[in-house]
Amino acid sequence: MSKGIDISSYEAGLKLDKTIGFVILRGGFTGYGGDGTTKYKDTSFEDFYKQAKSLEIPTGAYWFSCANNYDKGKSEAEYFYNNCLKGKKFEFPVYIDVEDDHHQAGNKQGVTEAIKGFCDYLESKGYYVGIYGSDIATFQDKVNLNEICSYDKWVARYGKNPQYVKTYQVWQYSESGKYNGFTVDLNECYYDYPTLIKEKGFNGYGSVEYKKGDSNETIEKVDDYLANKVKGNYFGDYTEVTLNLFKKQNNLPEDGIIDDKVLDLMGIDH
């Protein structure tokens, strides 16, 4: 068992340290105004992610959902992937947070389908997914639990263990914990997610392939490497040109693709 916290922009300014076993970050949320489809990235997500990675704290992420059908759930997952997850690594699952009392109220089947849409999309991208919610207000009152039993559960219930959900991997047992001057949610995890996720290649730990037009921190490191190491008539600012020269020098196909072999030769962690 390990103990951890979950945080968002509500805890902006918090400084992490290694006294916690894991951290789960809010990647973003769907606002309940209008038709409940406007999506926002959490303003503290990048800062907290960088802190967690620098301290080697196992990290997960979640999206606060307002989705009430399959397509809306999928749309949330697409935004989550493209704006928060892509190019990063997570040692804990990526979750859909099902708590909305506006668009998700009184529509069990719709919310259940939204969960499926969200999870189907991220599983197709190689992510280990899960569902967060309250033992009663979510898993009993808001969804058809028997249809989503295959997904891991992160369950909130304060004062005593979850009663309605019989099988769960993470328990959020308090919303009033104290950590480095902030009030935070406290969690217990009963599963060795980091080992499973790394061994199976989930959540960014599998093979990578980047092409022209992609943008993330790994590609920035490749640019820096090429700028410092590649010499010749074709040296310039364009990664594709210098990348192909580098690949030629190392007897690799000159296809303009950054893959595992390229990153290994450059000594770039991926």
Protein backbone atom coordinates (compact mmCIF):
# COMPACT_ATOMS: atom_id res chain seq x y z
CA MET A 1 0.00 0.00 0.00
CA SER A 2 1.19 3.53 -0.80
CA LYS A 3 -0.25 6.87 0.25
CA GLY A 4 -0.63 9.87 -2.05
CA ILE A 5 -2.50 13.05 -2.86
CA ASP A 6 -4.44 14.50 -5.77
CA ILE A 7 -4.07 18.16 -6.67
CA SER A 8 -5.20 20.81 -9.14
CA SER A 9 -5.05 24.56 -9.63
CA TYR A 10 -6.94 24.86 -6.33
CA GLU A 11 -3.56 24.05 -4.78
CA ALA A 12 -1.58 26.37 -7.06
CA GLY A 13 1.82 27.15 -5.54
CA LEU A 14 2.12 23.89 -3.63
CA LYS A 15 5.63 22.43 -3.60
CA LEU A 16 5.89 18.67 -3.81
CA ASP A 17 8.42 16.55 -1.92
CA LYS A 18 9.22 12.89 -1.58
CA THR A 19 7.16 12.36 1.57
CA ILE A 20 4.26 11.21 -0.65
CA GLY A 21 4.07 7.90 -2.46
CA PHE A 22 2.22 9.17 -5.54
CA VAL A 23 0.35 12.15 -6.92
CA ILE A 24 -2.63 12.36 -9.29
CA LEU A 25 -2.94 15.65 -11.19
CA ARG A 26 -5.99 17.26 -12.71
CA GLY A 27 -5.20 17.64 -16.40
CA GLY A 28 -8.28 19.75 -16.98
CA PHE A 29 -12.03 19.93 -16.87
CA THR A 30 -15.15 20.45 -18.90
CA GLY A 31 -17.14 23.49 -17.80
CA TYR A 32 -20.81 22.95 -17.00
CA GLY A 33 -21.92 26.21 -18.60
CA GLY A 34 -23.87 26.11 -21.87
CA ASP A 35 -24.04 22.63 -23.35
CA GLY A 36 -21.27 21.31 -21.12
CA THR A 37 -18.67 20.79 -23.82
CA THR A 38 -16.19 23.65 -23.30
CA LYS A 39 -12.86 22.22 -22.18
CA TYR A 40 -10.08 23.82 -20.15
CA LYS A 41 -6.56 22.73 -19.29
CA ASP A 42 -5.69 23.01 -15.60
CA THR A 43 -3.39 26.00 -15.19
CA SER A 44 -1.18 24.19 -12.66
CA PHE A 45 -0.89 20.88 -14.51
CA GLU A 46 2.43 21.52 -16.25
CA ASP A 47 4.08 22.90 -13.11
CA PHE A 48 2.95 19.98 -10.96
CA TYR A 49 3.95 17.46 -13.62
CA LYS A 50 7.47 18.91 -13.87
CA GLN A 51 7.81 18.88 -10.08
CA ALA A 52 6.65 15.28 -9.82
CA LYS A 53 8.98 14.11 -12.58
CA SER A 54 12.00 15.92 -11.13
CA LEU A 55 11.36 14.18 -7.79
CA GLU A 56 10.55 10.82 -9.43
CA ILE A 57 7.15 10.67 -7.73
CA PRO A 58 4.79 8.18 -9.46
CA THR A 59 2.20 10.30 -11.23
CA GLY A 60 -1.30 9.90 -12.63
CA ALA A 61 -3.79 12.34 -14.16
CA TYR A 62 -7.54 12.90 -14.36
CA TRP A 63 -10.12 14.82 -16.36
CA PHE A 64 -13.22 16.30 -14.69
CA SER A 65 -16.05 15.30 -17.01
CA CYS A 66 -19.45 16.72 -17.92
CA ALA A 67 -20.02 14.19 -20.70
CA ASN A 68 -23.37 12.42 -20.95
CA ASN A 69 -22.99 10.36 -24.11
CA TYR A 70 -20.34 8.30 -25.87
CA ASP A 71 -19.22 10.99 -28.32
CA LYS A 72 -18.84 13.66 -25.63
CA GLY A 73 -16.78 11.27 -23.52
CA LYS A 74 -14.55 10.53 -26.49
CA SER A 75 -14.20 14.26 -27.23
CA GLU A 76 -13.04 14.92 -23.67
CA ALA A 77 -10.48 12.14 -23.97
CA GLU A 78 -9.17 13.53 -27.27
CA TYR A 79 -8.65 16.96 -25.72
CA PHE A 80 -7.06 15.40 -22.61
CA TYR A 81 -4.67 13.37 -24.76
CA ASN A 82 -3.65 16.18 -27.13
CA ASN A 83 -3.28 18.90 -24.50
CA CYS A 84 -2.11 17.05 -21.39
CA LEU A 85 -0.97 13.47 -21.93
CA LYS A 86 0.81 13.31 -25.27
CA GLY A 87 4.61 13.19 -24.97
CA LYS A 88 4.55 12.56 -21.20
CA LYS A 89 4.84 9.48 -19.02
CA PHE A 90 2.53 8.44 -16.20
CA GLU A 91 3.09 5.66 -13.68
CA PHE A 92 -0.53 5.71 -12.46
CA PRO A 93 -3.71 5.44 -14.54
CA VAL A 94 -5.39 8.32 -16.34
CA TYR A 95 -8.91 8.75 -14.98
CA ILE A 96 -12.26 10.17 -15.95
CA ASP A 97 -13.69 12.05 -12.96
CA VAL A 98 -17.47 11.56 -12.87
CA GLU A 99 -18.99 14.02 -10.38
CA ASP A 100 -20.88 16.62 -12.42
CA ASP A 101 -24.34 17.44 -11.04
CA HIS A 102 -25.51 19.36 -14.11
CA HIS A 103 -25.22 17.54 -17.42
CA GLN A 104 -24.65 14.15 -15.81
CA ALA A 105 -27.62 14.26 -13.45
CA GLY A 106 -30.42 11.73 -13.97
CA ASN A 107 -28.90 10.01 -16.99
CA LYS A 108 -27.21 6.80 -15.84
CA GLN A 109 -27.00 5.20 -19.25
CA GLY A 110 -25.72 8.35 -20.93
CA VAL A 111 -22.97 8.81 -18.34
CA THR A 112 -22.06 5.14 -18.55
CA GLU A 113 -21.67 5.49 -22.31
CA ALA A 114 -19.58 8.64 -21.83
CA ILE A 115 -17.19 6.66 -19.64
CA LYS A 116 -16.90 4.03 -22.36
CA GLY A 117 -16.19 6.66 -25.02
CA PHE A 118 -13.53 8.29 -22.85
CA CYS A 119 -11.85 5.01 -21.94
CA ASP A 120 -12.07 3.47 -25.41
CA TYR A 121 -10.25 6.40 -26.95
CA LEU A 122 -7.43 6.50 -24.41
CA GLU A 123 -7.01 2.73 -24.43
CA SER A 124 -6.58 2.96 -28.21
CA LYS A 125 -3.71 5.37 -27.54
CA GLY A 126 -2.02 2.94 -25.15
CA TYR A 127 -3.18 4.32 -21.81
CA TYR A 128 -4.18 2.47 -18.66
CA VAL A 129 -7.51 4.04 -17.71
CA GLY A 130 -9.69 4.25 -14.64
CA ILE A 131 -12.78 5.91 -13.19
CA TYR A 132 -12.89 8.32 -10.24
CA GLY A 133 -16.03 9.07 -8.29
CA SER A 134 -17.89 8.94 -5.01
CA ASP A 135 -18.87 5.53 -3.68
CA ILE A 136 -22.57 6.46 -3.53
CA ALA A 137 -23.07 9.75 -5.45
CA THR A 138 -21.21 8.42 -8.49
CA PHE A 139 -20.98 4.65 -8.60
CA GLN A 140 -24.41 3.99 -7.12
CA ASP A 141 -26.45 6.96 -8.29
CA LYS A 142 -24.84 8.17 -11.52
CA VAL A 143 -23.70 5.11 -13.53
CA ASN A 144 -24.58 1.51 -14.32
CA LEU A 145 -21.73 -0.09 -12.44
CA ASN A 146 -22.22 -3.54 -13.95
CA GLU A 147 -21.37 -2.15 -17.42
CA ILE A 148 -18.03 -0.64 -16.40
CA CYS A 149 -16.77 -3.29 -14.01
CA SER A 150 -13.69 -3.98 -16.18
CA TYR A 151 -12.20 -0.53 -15.47
CA ASP A 152 -10.12 0.20 -12.37
CA LYS A 153 -11.81 2.33 -9.71
CA TRP A 154 -10.56 5.25 -7.64
CA VAL A 155 -13.29 5.67 -5.05
CA ALA A 156 -13.98 8.55 -2.66
CA ARG A 157 -15.59 7.81 0.68
CA TYR A 158 -14.67 9.61 3.88
CA GLY A 159 -14.78 8.12 7.34
CA LYS A 160 -14.95 4.47 6.26
CA ASN A 161 -14.07 2.22 3.36
CA PRO A 162 -16.27 2.21 0.24
CA GLN A 163 -19.35 0.06 0.72
CA TYR A 164 -21.14 0.07 -2.64
CA VAL A 165 -18.04 -0.48 -4.78
CA LYS A 166 -16.63 -3.83 -3.73
CA THR A 167 -13.46 -3.85 -5.84
CA TYR A 168 -11.27 -0.76 -6.07
CA GLN A 169 -7.56 -0.02 -6.37
CA VAL A 170 -7.35 3.50 -4.91
CA TRP A 171 -9.37 4.87 -1.99
CA GLN A 172 -9.68 8.62 -1.40
CA TYR A 173 -10.28 8.57 2.33
CA SER A 174 -10.08 12.25 3.28
CA GLU A 175 -10.52 15.72 1.79
CA SER A 176 -8.91 17.50 4.74
CA GLY A 177 -5.32 16.28 4.76
CA LYS A 178 -2.46 18.70 5.42
CA TYR A 179 0.54 18.81 3.12
CA ASN A 180 3.17 21.55 2.92
CA GLY A 181 0.75 24.24 4.04
CA PHE A 182 -2.20 23.17 1.86
CA THR A 183 -5.38 21.22 2.53
CA VAL A 184 -5.43 18.24 0.15
CA ASP A 185 -7.26 15.01 -0.63
CA LEU A 186 -5.59 11.91 0.80
CA ASN A 187 -5.51 8.55 -0.96
CA GLU A 188 -4.36 4.98 -0.45
CA CYS A 189 -3.36 2.74 -3.36
CA TYR A 190 -3.40 -1.05 -3.06
CA TYR A 191 -1.88 -1.91 -6.44
CA ASP A 192 1.63 -1.65 -7.87
CA TYR A 193 0.72 0.50 -10.86
CA PRO A 194 4.25 1.73 -11.69
CA THR A 195 5.57 -1.79 -12.23
CA LEU A 196 2.60 -2.90 -14.33
CA ILE A 197 2.47 0.22 -16.48
CA LYS A 198 6.19 0.25 -17.22
CA GLU A 199 6.39 -3.48 -17.93
CA LYS A 200 3.38 -3.39 -20.27
CA GLY A 201 4.41 -0.17 -21.99
CA PHE A 202 1.32 1.85 -21.09
CA ASN A 203 1.03 5.61 -20.51
CA GLY A 204 3.95 6.72 -22.66
CA TYR A 205 6.29 3.87 -21.70
CA GLY A 206 5.86 2.02 -25.00
CA SER A 207 7.51 2.62 -28.36
CA VAL A 208 7.45 6.19 -29.66
CA GLU A 209 7.28 7.65 -33.14
CA TYR A 210 7.22 11.37 -33.88
CA LYS A 211 6.81 12.92 -37.31
CA LYS A 212 7.06 16.37 -38.82
CA GLY A 213 4.47 18.66 -37.24
CA ASP A 214 4.54 17.04 -33.77
CA SER A 215 5.61 19.13 -30.80
CA ASN A 216 6.67 18.16 -27.27
CA GLU A 217 9.60 18.21 -24.85
CA THR A 218 11.23 15.13 -26.38
CA ILE A 219 11.34 16.75 -29.81
CA GLU A 220 12.84 19.88 -28.24
CA LYS A 221 15.64 17.71 -26.82
CA VAL A 222 16.18 16.16 -30.25
CA ASP A 223 16.46 19.67 -31.74
CA ASP A 224 19.03 20.61 -29.12
CA TYR A 225 21.02 17.44 -29.77
CA LEU A 226 21.04 17.97 -33.51
CA ALA A 227 22.02 21.61 -33.17
CA ASN A 228 25.00 20.66 -31.00
CA LYS A 229 26.11 17.42 -32.66
CA VAL A 230 25.25 17.36 -36.37
CA LYS A 231 27.80 18.89 -38.74
CA GLY A 232 27.78 19.23 -42.54
CA ASN A 233 26.44 21.18 -45.50
CA TYR A 234 22.83 20.64 -44.47
CA PHE A 235 23.09 22.02 -40.94
CA GLY A 236 20.22 24.39 -40.17
CA ASP A 237 17.17 25.09 -38.06
CA TYR A 238 14.98 22.44 -39.61
CA THR A 239 14.79 19.27 -37.56
CA GLU A 240 13.73 17.12 -40.49
CA VAL A 241 16.84 17.99 -42.52
CA THR A 242 19.34 17.57 -39.68
CA LEU A 243 17.52 14.49 -38.39
CA ASN A 244 17.89 12.75 -41.74
CA LEU A 245 21.57 13.65 -41.85
CA PHE A 246 21.99 12.17 -38.38
CA LYS A 247 20.15 9.02 -39.46
CA LYS A 248 22.31 8.74 -42.57
CA GLN A 249 25.44 8.99 -40.44
CA ASN A 250 24.10 6.14 -38.29
CA ASN A 251 22.95 3.91 -41.17
CA LEU A 252 19.24 4.39 -40.46
CA PRO A 253 16.45 5.05 -42.98
CA GLU A 254 16.27 8.75 -43.89
CA ASP A 255 12.50 8.90 -43.31
CA GLY A 256 12.18 11.97 -41.10
CA ILE A 257 10.88 9.92 -38.16
CA ILE A 258 12.08 10.13 -34.56
CA ASP A 259 11.74 6.64 -33.11
CA ASP A 260 13.18 4.54 -30.29
CA LYS A 261 16.44 3.82 -32.16
CA VAL A 262 17.09 7.52 -32.77
CA LEU A 263 16.41 8.48 -29.15
CA ASP A 264 18.60 5.64 -27.86
CA LEU A 265 21.51 6.73 -30.08
CA MET A 266 21.12 10.30 -28.84
CA GLY A 267 20.90 9.18 -25.22
CA ILE A 268 17.50 10.84 -24.75
CA ASP A 269 15.20 9.31 -22.14
CA HIS A 270 11.84 8.24 -23.57
